[in-house]
Amino acid sequence: MRDPFITAVNAQKAALSWFEDLALNASNMYTPGYRERRMTFTDFINGTSYKELPYKAEQGKAIPGRSPSNLFIEGKGMFAVRKDDGSLLYTRLGDFKFDANGTLVNEMGHKVQGYLTDEKGNIINTGAVQPNKGGSPNNPGHGQGGTGHLPSTEINLWIDPTNGKFFGKYDEYKVKADGVVMGVADKGKTQVPLYRIALVNFVNPEGLAQVDDYYYVPTIASGEPVEGDGEIQSGLLESSNVGLRETVNYLQEAKLQLDVTSKLINTNKQLLQESLRLIQ
């Protein structure tokens, strides 16, 4: 037989956790790259417990970025960034910039991953190396981590300090919808494919585990990386995918749940006190 007092306390704890996560979603409604935390309730023998699902995978709205190096994915896919220790993280947040060495990085200095291309923009398979090692003496800067374990590399547009041009000869760059990074010169007359930005997806992206703000790693539930099918737009960022109306409705439900469980707890207290009085 279930104890009604324990059931009410457990239900209140679950409702409080739900309310706190909803408040976190609401406070990050306009935060670029934020993924809505999702949750559900599961019944157990001693009451209701709170079970958190990782996050909502649906795409957020596009908002203006701060530079052409900011990137937005239209459709399914994630960017891959490599930390200094060689490990890979995956994200929808394309808040990227070129550092002092001309390498495309995120705000934490993690290197955005891509693939070398030939003159037609086709990916060059540079050969497999040990995963998560960041490269080898014969293949510096490369490491597995792309789709099908295709070796990925950092995207480096070296800047000539004498003239400020990329690679010493390109005036600027542009990113095409398929992720190809083009070197541009002669007022646009010369355009050369240099890299293709790695865009990956997962069979179950909601199964990814969050390890840092906006950054995730694969799990058994998510599966291994597969090719993403989204398009990349330069100069934009993805806003939070939190839904305003949905969040407000859930907050009202959570508040109602807290009120109901509080009344249940108070009622059980009164019954217990009355029982003790009668016994005495």
C-alpha atoms as a PDB file:
ATOM      1  CA  MET A   1       0.000   0.000   0.000  1.00  0.00           C
ATOM      2  CA  ARG A   2       1.348   3.399  -0.950  1.00  0.00           C
ATOM      3  CA  ASP A   3       1.957   5.950   1.757  1.00  0.00           C
ATOM      4  CA  PRO A   4       0.008   9.070   0.652  1.00  0.00           C
ATOM      5  CA  PHE A   5       2.370  11.379   2.548  1.00  0.00           C
ATOM      6  CA  ILE A   6       5.474   9.934   0.803  1.00  0.00           C
ATOM      7  CA  THR A   7       3.682  10.064  -2.533  1.00  0.00           C
ATOM      8  CA  ALA A   8       2.821  13.741  -2.039  1.00  0.00           C
ATOM      9  CA  VAL A   9       6.391  14.642  -0.977  1.00  0.00           C
ATOM     10  CA  ASN A  10       7.910  12.825  -3.968  1.00  0.00           C
ATOM     11  CA  ALA A  11       5.440  14.479  -6.320  1.00  0.00           C
ATOM     12  CA  GLN A  12       6.302  17.907  -4.905  1.00  0.00           C
ATOM     13  CA  LYS A  13      10.053  17.294  -5.319  1.00  0.00           C
ATOM     14  CA  ALA A  14       9.481  16.244  -8.919  1.00  0.00           C
ATOM     15  CA  ALA A  15       7.296  19.286  -9.614  1.00  0.00           C
ATOM     16  CA  LEU A  16       9.918  21.582  -8.094  1.00  0.00           C
ATOM     17  CA  SER A  17      12.658  20.097 -10.311  1.00  0.00           C
ATOM     18  CA  TRP A  18      10.373  20.521 -13.315  1.00  0.00           C
ATOM     19  CA  PHE A  19       9.661  24.142 -12.410  1.00  0.00           C
ATOM     20  CA  GLU A  20      13.387  24.909 -11.992  1.00  0.00           C
ATOM     21  CA  ASP A  21      14.253  23.482 -15.418  1.00  0.00           C
ATOM     22  CA  LEU A  22      11.370  25.366 -17.023  1.00  0.00           C
ATOM     23  CA  ALA A  23      12.639  28.575 -15.415  1.00  0.00           C
ATOM     24  CA  LEU A  24      16.101  27.823 -16.852  1.00  0.00           C
ATOM     25  CA  ASN A  25      14.570  27.372 -20.308  1.00  0.00           C
ATOM     26  CA  ALA A  26      12.652  30.632 -19.973  1.00  0.00           C
ATOM     27  CA  SER A  27      15.752  32.580 -18.907  1.00  0.00           C
ATOM     28  CA  ASN A  28      17.657  31.268 -21.970  1.00  0.00           C
ATOM     29  CA  MET A  29      14.880  31.830 -24.491  1.00  0.00           C
ATOM     30  CA  TYR A  30      17.061  34.252 -26.470  1.00  0.00           C
ATOM     31  CA  THR A  31      20.462  32.668 -25.808  1.00  0.00           C
ATOM     32  CA  PRO A  32      22.172  31.609 -29.084  1.00  0.00           C
ATOM     33  CA  GLY A  33      22.741  27.876 -29.283  1.00  0.00           C
ATOM     34  CA  TYR A  34      20.745  26.994 -26.164  1.00  0.00           C
ATOM     35  CA  ARG A  35      18.859  23.694 -26.420  1.00  0.00           C
ATOM     36  CA  GLU A  36      15.599  23.401 -24.495  1.00  0.00           C
ATOM     37  CA  ARG A  37      15.772  20.980 -21.583  1.00  0.00           C
ATOM     38  CA  ARG A  38      13.022  18.412 -21.832  1.00  0.00           C
ATOM     39  CA  MET A  39      11.455  16.408 -19.050  1.00  0.00           C
ATOM     40  CA  THR A  40       8.727  13.928 -18.204  1.00  0.00           C
ATOM     41  CA  PHE A  41       7.262  12.196 -15.162  1.00  0.00           C
ATOM     42  CA  THR A  42       7.488   8.497 -14.417  1.00  0.00           C
ATOM     43  CA  ASP A  43       5.407   6.703 -11.783  1.00  0.00           C
ATOM     44  CA  PHE A  44       7.134   4.480  -9.239  1.00  0.00           C
ATOM     45  CA  ILE A  45       5.681   2.462  -6.404  1.00  0.00           C
ATOM     46  CA  ASN A  46       6.416   5.148  -3.831  1.00  0.00           C
ATOM     47  CA  GLY A  47       5.208   8.112  -5.779  1.00  0.00           C
ATOM     48  CA  THR A  48       6.125  10.234  -8.763  1.00  0.00           C
ATOM     49  CA  SER A  49       9.738  10.841  -9.694  1.00  0.00           C
ATOM     50  CA  TYR A  50      11.240  13.345 -12.090  1.00  0.00           C
ATOM     51  CA  LYS A  51      12.995  12.006 -15.165  1.00  0.00           C
ATOM     52  CA  GLU A  52      14.936  14.442 -17.330  1.00  0.00           C
ATOM     53  CA  LEU A  53      15.354  13.885 -21.046  1.00  0.00           C
ATOM     54  CA  PRO A  54      18.569  15.378 -22.470  1.00  0.00           C
ATOM     55  CA  TYR A  55      17.280  18.219 -24.642  1.00  0.00           C
ATOM     56  CA  LYS A  56      15.042  19.208 -27.538  1.00  0.00           C
ATOM     57  CA  ALA A  57      16.782  18.677 -30.885  1.00  0.00           C
ATOM     58  CA  GLU A  58      14.573  20.829 -33.112  1.00  0.00           C
ATOM     59  CA  GLN A  59      16.140  23.772 -34.925  1.00  0.00           C
ATOM     60  CA  GLY A  60      16.028  27.261 -33.462  1.00  0.00           C
ATOM     61  CA  LYS A  61      15.467  30.474 -35.396  1.00  0.00           C
ATOM     62  CA  ALA A  62      18.219  32.236 -37.330  1.00  0.00           C
ATOM     63  CA  ILE A  63      19.462  35.540 -35.914  1.00  0.00           C
ATOM     64  CA  PRO A  64      22.102  37.963 -37.260  1.00  0.00           C
ATOM     65  CA  GLY A  65      25.669  37.090 -36.318  1.00  0.00           C
ATOM     66  CA  ARG A  66      28.576  39.403 -35.601  1.00  0.00           C
ATOM     67  CA  SER A  67      30.781  38.418 -38.553  1.00  0.00           C
ATOM     68  CA  PRO A  68      30.836  36.210 -41.687  1.00  0.00           C
ATOM     69  CA  SER A  69      32.610  33.538 -39.628  1.00  0.00           C
ATOM     70  CA  ASN A  70      29.422  33.009 -37.589  1.00  0.00           C
ATOM     71  CA  LEU A  71      27.613  30.015 -39.096  1.00  0.00           C
ATOM     72  CA  PHE A  72      24.035  28.738 -39.015  1.00  0.00           C
ATOM     73  CA  ILE A  73      22.818  25.241 -39.934  1.00  0.00           C
ATOM     74  CA  GLU A  74      19.537  25.142 -41.849  1.00  0.00           C
ATOM     75  CA  GLY A  75      18.301  21.599 -41.295  1.00  0.00           C
ATOM     76  CA  LYS A  76      19.775  18.621 -39.480  1.00  0.00           C
ATOM     77  CA  GLY A  77      23.400  18.501 -38.428  1.00  0.00           C
ATOM     78  CA  MET A  78      25.964  19.682 -35.920  1.00  0.00           C
ATOM     79  CA  PHE A  79      29.409  21.251 -36.040  1.00  0.00           C
ATOM     80  CA  ALA A  80      32.381  19.317 -34.689  1.00  0.00           C
ATOM     81  CA  VAL A  81      35.008  21.139 -32.610  1.00  0.00           C
ATOM     82  CA  ARG A  82      38.228  19.670 -31.267  1.00  0.00           C
ATOM     83  CA  LYS A  83      39.608  20.544 -27.835  1.00  0.00           C
ATOM     84  CA  ASP A  84      43.318  20.891 -27.076  1.00  0.00           C
ATOM     85  CA  ASP A  85      43.346  17.363 -25.634  1.00  0.00           C
ATOM     86  CA  GLY A  86      42.172  15.995 -28.991  1.00  0.00           C
ATOM     87  CA  SER A  87      38.638  15.097 -27.921  1.00  0.00           C
ATOM     88  CA  LEU A  88      35.660  16.129 -30.035  1.00  0.00           C
ATOM     89  CA  LEU A  89      32.513  17.992 -29.060  1.00  0.00           C
ATOM     90  CA  TYR A  90      29.403  18.573 -31.156  1.00  0.00           C
ATOM     91  CA  THR A  91      27.241  21.692 -31.218  1.00  0.00           C
ATOM     92  CA  ARG A  92      24.667  23.705 -33.152  1.00  0.00           C
ATOM     93  CA  LEU A  93      26.240  26.961 -31.972  1.00  0.00           C
ATOM     94  CA  GLY A  94      28.305  28.414 -34.825  1.00  0.00           C
ATOM     95  CA  ASP A  95      29.712  31.386 -32.919  1.00  0.00           C
ATOM     96  CA  PHE A  96      33.102  31.051 -34.631  1.00  0.00           C
ATOM     97  CA  LYS A  97      35.976  33.391 -35.377  1.00  0.00           C
ATOM     98  CA  PHE A  98      39.496  33.269 -36.796  1.00  0.00           C
ATOM     99  CA  ASP A  99      42.177  33.441 -34.107  1.00  0.00           C
ATOM    100  CA  ALA A 100      45.582  35.133 -34.374  1.00  0.00           C
ATOM    101  CA  ASN A 101      46.935  32.098 -36.240  1.00  0.00           C
ATOM    102  CA  GLY A 102      44.160  32.193 -38.819  1.00  0.00           C
ATOM    103  CA  THR A 103      42.425  29.093 -37.403  1.00  0.00           C
ATOM    104  CA  LEU A 104      38.637  28.929 -37.191  1.00  0.00           C
ATOM    105  CA  VAL A 105      37.747  28.435 -33.514  1.00  0.00           C
ATOM    106  CA  ASN A 106      34.830  28.880 -31.150  1.00  0.00           C
ATOM    107  CA  GLU A 107      34.757  31.268 -28.203  1.00  0.00           C
ATOM    108  CA  MET A 108      36.611  28.726 -26.027  1.00  0.00           C
ATOM    109  CA  GLY A 109      39.386  28.239 -28.567  1.00  0.00           C
ATOM    110  CA  HIS A 110      38.219  24.783 -29.696  1.00  0.00           C
ATOM    111  CA  LYS A 111      39.132  24.207 -33.352  1.00  0.00           C
ATOM    112  CA  VAL A 112      36.267  23.860 -35.826  1.00  0.00           C
ATOM    113  CA  GLN A 113      36.669  20.671 -37.857  1.00  0.00           C
ATOM    114  CA  GLY A 114      36.569  20.359 -41.629  1.00  0.00           C
ATOM    115  CA  TYR A 115      37.990  18.388 -44.527  1.00  0.00           C
ATOM    116  CA  LEU A 116      40.631  19.306 -47.086  1.00  0.00           C
ATOM    117  CA  THR A 117      39.250  19.608 -50.613  1.00  0.00           C
ATOM    118  CA  ASP A 118      40.569  19.435 -54.134  1.00  0.00           C
ATOM    119  CA  GLU A 119      40.126  22.172 -56.737  1.00  0.00           C
ATOM    120  CA  LYS A 120      36.563  20.959 -57.383  1.00  0.00           C
ATOM    121  CA  GLY A 121      35.535  21.035 -53.740  1.00  0.00           C
ATOM    122  CA  ASN A 122      35.613  17.256 -53.304  1.00  0.00           C
ATOM    123  CA  ILE A 123      36.833  15.974 -49.946  1.00  0.00           C
ATOM    124  CA  ILE A 124      40.370  14.603 -49.900  1.00  0.00           C
ATOM    125  CA  ASN A 125      40.699  11.533 -47.685  1.00  0.00           C
ATOM    126  CA  THR A 126      44.080  12.080 -46.055  1.00  0.00           C
ATOM    127  CA  GLY A 127      44.176   8.620 -44.491  1.00  0.00           C
ATOM    128  CA  ALA A 128      42.977   7.279 -41.157  1.00  0.00           C
ATOM    129  CA  VAL A 129      44.767   8.021 -37.903  1.00  0.00           C
ATOM    130  CA  GLN A 130      44.084   7.076 -34.307  1.00  0.00           C
ATOM    131  CA  PRO A 131      40.864   8.738 -33.064  1.00  0.00           C
ATOM    132  CA  ASN A 132      40.954  11.677 -30.662  1.00  0.00           C
ATOM    133  CA  LYS A 133      44.713  12.140 -30.965  1.00  0.00           C
ATOM    134  CA  GLY A 134      44.609  15.291 -33.058  1.00  0.00           C
ATOM    135  CA  GLY A 135      46.942  13.959 -35.730  1.00  0.00           C
ATOM    136  CA  SER A 136      50.245  12.241 -36.234  1.00  0.00           C
ATOM    137  CA  PRO A 137      53.774  13.271 -37.197  1.00  0.00           C
ATOM    138  CA  ASN A 138      53.007  12.416 -40.828  1.00  0.00           C
ATOM    139  CA  ASN A 139      49.529  13.909 -40.731  1.00  0.00           C
ATOM    140  CA  PRO A 140      49.576  16.935 -38.411  1.00  0.00           C
ATOM    141  CA  GLY A 141      46.294  18.431 -37.314  1.00  0.00           C
ATOM    142  CA  HIS A 142      44.208  15.517 -38.565  1.00  0.00           C
ATOM    143  CA  GLY A 143      42.164  13.055 -36.575  1.00  0.00           C
ATOM    144  CA  GLN A 144      39.173  10.801 -36.989  1.00  0.00           C
ATOM    145  CA  GLY A 145      35.868  12.282 -36.015  1.00  0.00           C
ATOM    146  CA  GLY A 146      34.006  13.032 -39.195  1.00  0.00           C
ATOM    147  CA  THR A 147      31.295  10.880 -40.712  1.00  0.00           C
ATOM    148  CA  GLY A 148      32.399   7.303 -41.289  1.00  0.00           C
ATOM    149  CA  HIS A 149      35.592   8.106 -39.347  1.00  0.00           C
ATOM    150  CA  LEU A 150      36.753  10.316 -42.205  1.00  0.00           C
ATOM    151  CA  PRO A 151      39.801  12.210 -40.890  1.00  0.00           C
ATOM    152  CA  SER A 152      38.964  15.819 -40.125  1.00  0.00           C
ATOM    153  CA  THR A 153      41.290  18.785 -39.794  1.00  0.00           C
ATOM    154  CA  GLU A 154      41.321  22.319 -38.466  1.00  0.00           C
ATOM    155  CA  ILE A 155      40.336  25.094 -40.858  1.00  0.00           C
ATOM    156  CA  ASN A 156      43.266  27.441 -41.155  1.00  0.00           C
ATOM    157  CA  LEU A 157      43.260  30.527 -43.373  1.00  0.00           C
ATOM    158  CA  TRP A 158      46.759  31.729 -42.633  1.00  0.00           C
ATOM    159  CA  ILE A 159      46.968  35.513 -42.759  1.00  0.00           C
ATOM    160  CA  ASP A 160      50.021  37.143 -44.328  1.00  0.00           C
ATOM    161  CA  PRO A 161      51.159  39.829 -41.836  1.00  0.00           C
ATOM    162  CA  THR A 162      52.607  41.917 -44.688  1.00  0.00           C
ATOM    163  CA  ASN A 163      49.315  42.446 -46.482  1.00  0.00           C
ATOM    164  CA  GLY A 164      46.606  40.966 -44.266  1.00  0.00           C
ATOM    165  CA  LYS A 165      45.427  38.592 -46.958  1.00  0.00           C
ATOM    166  CA  PHE A 166      44.349  35.020 -46.296  1.00  0.00           C
ATOM    167  CA  PHE A 167      47.001  32.497 -47.349  1.00  0.00           C
ATOM    168  CA  GLY A 168      49.004  35.503 -48.473  1.00  0.00           C
ATOM    169  CA  LYS A 169      47.115  35.719 -51.748  1.00  0.00           C
ATOM    170  CA  TYR A 170      43.347  35.572 -51.132  1.00  0.00           C
ATOM    171  CA  ASP A 171      41.634  38.852 -50.308  1.00  0.00           C
ATOM    172  CA  GLU A 172      38.751  37.219 -48.442  1.00  0.00           C
ATOM    173  CA  TYR A 173      36.788  34.021 -48.046  1.00  0.00           C
ATOM    174  CA  LYS A 174      33.197  32.874 -48.280  1.00  0.00           C
ATOM    175  CA  VAL A 175      31.317  29.829 -47.038  1.00  0.00           C
ATOM    176  CA  LYS A 176      28.946  28.110 -49.467  1.00  0.00           C
ATOM    177  CA  ALA A 177      25.716  26.343 -48.483  1.00  0.00           C
ATOM    178  CA  ASP A 178      27.406  22.936 -48.781  1.00  0.00           C
ATOM    179  CA  GLY A 179      30.051  24.022 -46.258  1.00  0.00           C
ATOM    180  CA  VAL A 180      32.875  24.571 -48.730  1.00  0.00           C
ATOM    181  CA  VAL A 181      35.178  27.410 -47.666  1.00  0.00           C
ATOM    182  CA  MET A 182      36.336  29.352 -50.729  1.00  0.00           C
ATOM    183  CA  GLY A 183      39.409  31.563 -50.997  1.00  0.00           C
ATOM    184  CA  VAL A 184      38.456  34.690 -52.974  1.00  0.00           C
ATOM    185  CA  ALA A 185      40.788  37.028 -54.894  1.00  0.00           C
ATOM    186  CA  ASP A 186      40.777  39.449 -57.870  1.00  0.00           C
ATOM    187  CA  LYS A 187      37.508  41.052 -56.749  1.00  0.00           C
ATOM    188  CA  GLY A 188      35.722  37.722 -56.842  1.00  0.00           C
ATOM    189  CA  LYS A 189      37.089  36.564 -60.198  1.00  0.00           C
ATOM    190  CA  THR A 190      39.229  33.913 -58.494  1.00  0.00           C
ATOM    191  CA  GLN A 191      37.475  31.493 -56.142  1.00  0.00           C
ATOM    192  CA  VAL A 192      39.285  28.382 -54.952  1.00  0.00           C
ATOM    193  CA  PRO A 193      37.829  25.607 -52.716  1.00  0.00           C
ATOM    194  CA  LEU A 194      40.019  25.110 -49.651  1.00  0.00           C
ATOM    195  CA  TYR A 195      38.029  23.213 -47.013  1.00  0.00           C
ATOM    196  CA  ARG A 196      34.611  21.723 -46.418  1.00  0.00           C
ATOM    197  CA  ILE A 197      33.214  22.295 -42.916  1.00  0.00           C
ATOM    198  CA  ALA A 198      32.399  18.988 -41.216  1.00  0.00           C
ATOM    199  CA  LEU A 199      28.645  18.690 -40.699  1.00  0.00           C
ATOM    200  CA  VAL A 200      27.558  15.578 -38.806  1.00  0.00           C
ATOM    201  CA  ASN A 201      24.339  14.199 -37.410  1.00  0.00           C
ATOM    202  CA  PHE A 202      23.265  11.321 -35.184  1.00  0.00           C
ATOM    203  CA  VAL A 203      20.568   8.668 -35.522  1.00  0.00           C
ATOM    204  CA  ASN A 204      19.127   9.898 -32.211  1.00  0.00           C
ATOM    205  CA  PRO A 205      20.497  13.400 -31.506  1.00  0.00           C
ATOM    206  CA  GLU A 206      18.367  13.666 -28.362  1.00  0.00           C
ATOM    207  CA  GLY A 207      20.485  10.832 -26.955  1.00  0.00           C
ATOM    208  CA  LEU A 208      23.643  12.979 -26.893  1.00  0.00           C
ATOM    209  CA  ALA A 209      25.084  13.826 -23.480  1.00  0.00           C
ATOM    210  CA  GLN A 210      25.704  17.473 -22.608  1.00  0.00           C
ATOM    211  CA  VAL A 211      29.200  18.081 -21.243  1.00  0.00           C
ATOM    212  CA  ASP A 212      29.348  21.871 -21.399  1.00  0.00           C
ATOM    213  CA  ASP A 213      27.082  24.765 -22.297  1.00  0.00           C
ATOM    214  CA  TYR A 214      25.846  24.066 -25.857  1.00  0.00           C
ATOM    215  CA  TYR A 215      28.311  21.171 -26.379  1.00  0.00           C
ATOM    216  CA  TYR A 216      27.584  17.437 -26.504  1.00  0.00           C
ATOM    217  CA  VAL A 217      29.273  14.041 -26.897  1.00  0.00           C
ATOM    218  CA  PRO A 218      27.910  10.788 -28.380  1.00  0.00           C
ATOM    219  CA  THR A 219      26.431   8.014 -26.255  1.00  0.00           C
ATOM    220  CA  ILE A 220      25.143   4.524 -26.982  1.00  0.00           C
ATOM    221  CA  ALA A 221      21.677   6.074 -27.237  1.00  0.00           C
ATOM    222  CA  SER A 222      22.745   8.673 -29.839  1.00  0.00           C
ATOM    223  CA  GLY A 223      24.859   6.356 -31.990  1.00  0.00           C
ATOM    224  CA  GLU A 224      27.977   7.262 -33.966  1.00  0.00           C
ATOM    225  CA  PRO A 225      28.250  10.360 -36.211  1.00  0.00           C
ATOM    226  CA  VAL A 226      26.601  10.175 -39.628  1.00  0.00           C
ATOM    227  CA  GLU A 227      26.530  12.779 -42.370  1.00  0.00           C
ATOM    228  CA  GLY A 228      24.409  15.843 -41.683  1.00  0.00           C
ATOM    229  CA  ASP A 229      22.048  17.027 -44.416  1.00  0.00           C
ATOM    230  CA  GLY A 230      21.699  20.675 -43.444  1.00  0.00           C
ATOM    231  CA  GLU A 231      22.880  23.752 -45.313  1.00  0.00           C
ATOM    232  CA  ILE A 232      25.310  26.270 -43.856  1.00  0.00           C
ATOM    233  CA  GLN A 233      24.620  29.988 -43.933  1.00  0.00           C
ATOM    234  CA  SER A 234      27.356  32.501 -43.185  1.00  0.00           C
ATOM    235  CA  GLY A 235      26.829  35.544 -40.976  1.00  0.00           C
ATOM    236  CA  LEU A 236      23.985  34.021 -38.940  1.00  0.00           C
ATOM    237  CA  LEU A 237      23.627  32.241 -35.608  1.00  0.00           C
ATOM    238  CA  GLU A 238      21.010  29.843 -34.304  1.00  0.00           C
ATOM    239  CA  SER A 239      18.936  31.195 -31.460  1.00  0.00           C
ATOM    240  CA  SER A 240      17.514  29.126 -28.616  1.00  0.00           C
ATOM    241  CA  ASN A 241      14.921  26.531 -29.628  1.00  0.00           C
ATOM    242  CA  VAL A 242      12.791  27.179 -26.527  1.00  0.00           C
ATOM    243  CA  GLY A 243       9.121  27.693 -27.420  1.00  0.00           C
ATOM    244  CA  LEU A 244       7.525  30.661 -25.603  1.00  0.00           C
ATOM    245  CA  ARG A 245       3.913  29.445 -25.573  1.00  0.00           C
ATOM    246  CA  GLU A 246       4.859  25.883 -24.679  1.00  0.00           C
ATOM    247  CA  THR A 247       7.117  27.051 -21.838  1.00  0.00           C
ATOM    248  CA  VAL A 248       4.468  29.366 -20.371  1.00  0.00           C
ATOM    249  CA  ASN A 249       1.882  26.555 -20.454  1.00  0.00           C
ATOM    250  CA  TYR A 250       4.290  24.140 -18.759  1.00  0.00           C
ATOM    251  CA  LEU A 251       5.158  26.725 -16.089  1.00  0.00           C
ATOM    252  CA  GLN A 252       1.466  27.072 -15.280  1.00  0.00           C
ATOM    253  CA  GLU A 253       1.127  23.287 -15.056  1.00  0.00           C
ATOM    254  CA  ALA A 254       4.183  23.019 -12.814  1.00  0.00           C
ATOM    255  CA  LYS A 255       2.834  25.790 -10.554  1.00  0.00           C
ATOM    256  CA  LEU A 256      -0.507  23.970 -10.307  1.00  0.00           C
ATOM    257  CA  GLN A 257       1.326  20.739  -9.490  1.00  0.00           C
ATOM    258  CA  LEU A 258       3.239  22.481  -6.686  1.00  0.00           C
ATOM    259  CA  ASP A 259       0.021  23.961  -5.258  1.00  0.00           C
ATOM    260  CA  VAL A 260      -1.778  20.609  -5.321  1.00  0.00           C
ATOM    261  CA  THR A 261       1.069  18.695  -3.700  1.00  0.00           C
ATOM    262  CA  SER A 262       1.426  21.368  -1.015  1.00  0.00           C
ATOM    263  CA  LYS A 263      -2.259  20.967  -0.132  1.00  0.00           C
ATOM    264  CA  LEU A 264      -1.850  17.179  -0.076  1.00  0.00           C
ATOM    265  CA  ILE A 265       1.118  17.428   2.262  1.00  0.00           C
ATOM    266  CA  ASN A 266      -0.725  19.836   4.579  1.00  0.00           C
ATOM    267  CA  THR A 267      -3.801  17.585   4.582  1.00  0.00           C
ATOM    268  CA  ASN A 268      -1.692  14.549   5.484  1.00  0.00           C
ATOM    269  CA  LYS A 269      -0.036  16.534   8.285  1.00  0.00           C
ATOM    270  CA  GLN A 270      -3.423  17.482   9.681  1.00  0.00           C
ATOM    271  CA  LEU A 271      -4.613  13.864   9.510  1.00  0.00           C
ATOM    272  CA  LEU A 272      -1.460  12.683  11.292  1.00  0.00           C
ATOM    273  CA  GLN A 273      -1.844  15.309  14.001  1.00  0.00           C
ATOM    274  CA  GLU A 274      -5.505  14.373  14.486  1.00  0.00           C
ATOM    275  CA  SER A 275      -4.608  10.676  14.687  1.00  0.00           C
ATOM    276  CA  LEU A 276      -1.998  11.360  17.351  1.00  0.00           C
ATOM    277  CA  ARG A 277      -4.486  13.474  19.299  1.00  0.00           C
ATOM    278  CA  LEU A 278      -7.071  10.680  19.253  1.00  0.00           C
ATOM    279  CA  ILE A 279      -4.488   8.111  20.359  1.00  0.00           C
ATOM    280  CA  GLN A 280      -3.450  10.304  23.272  1.00  0.00           C
END
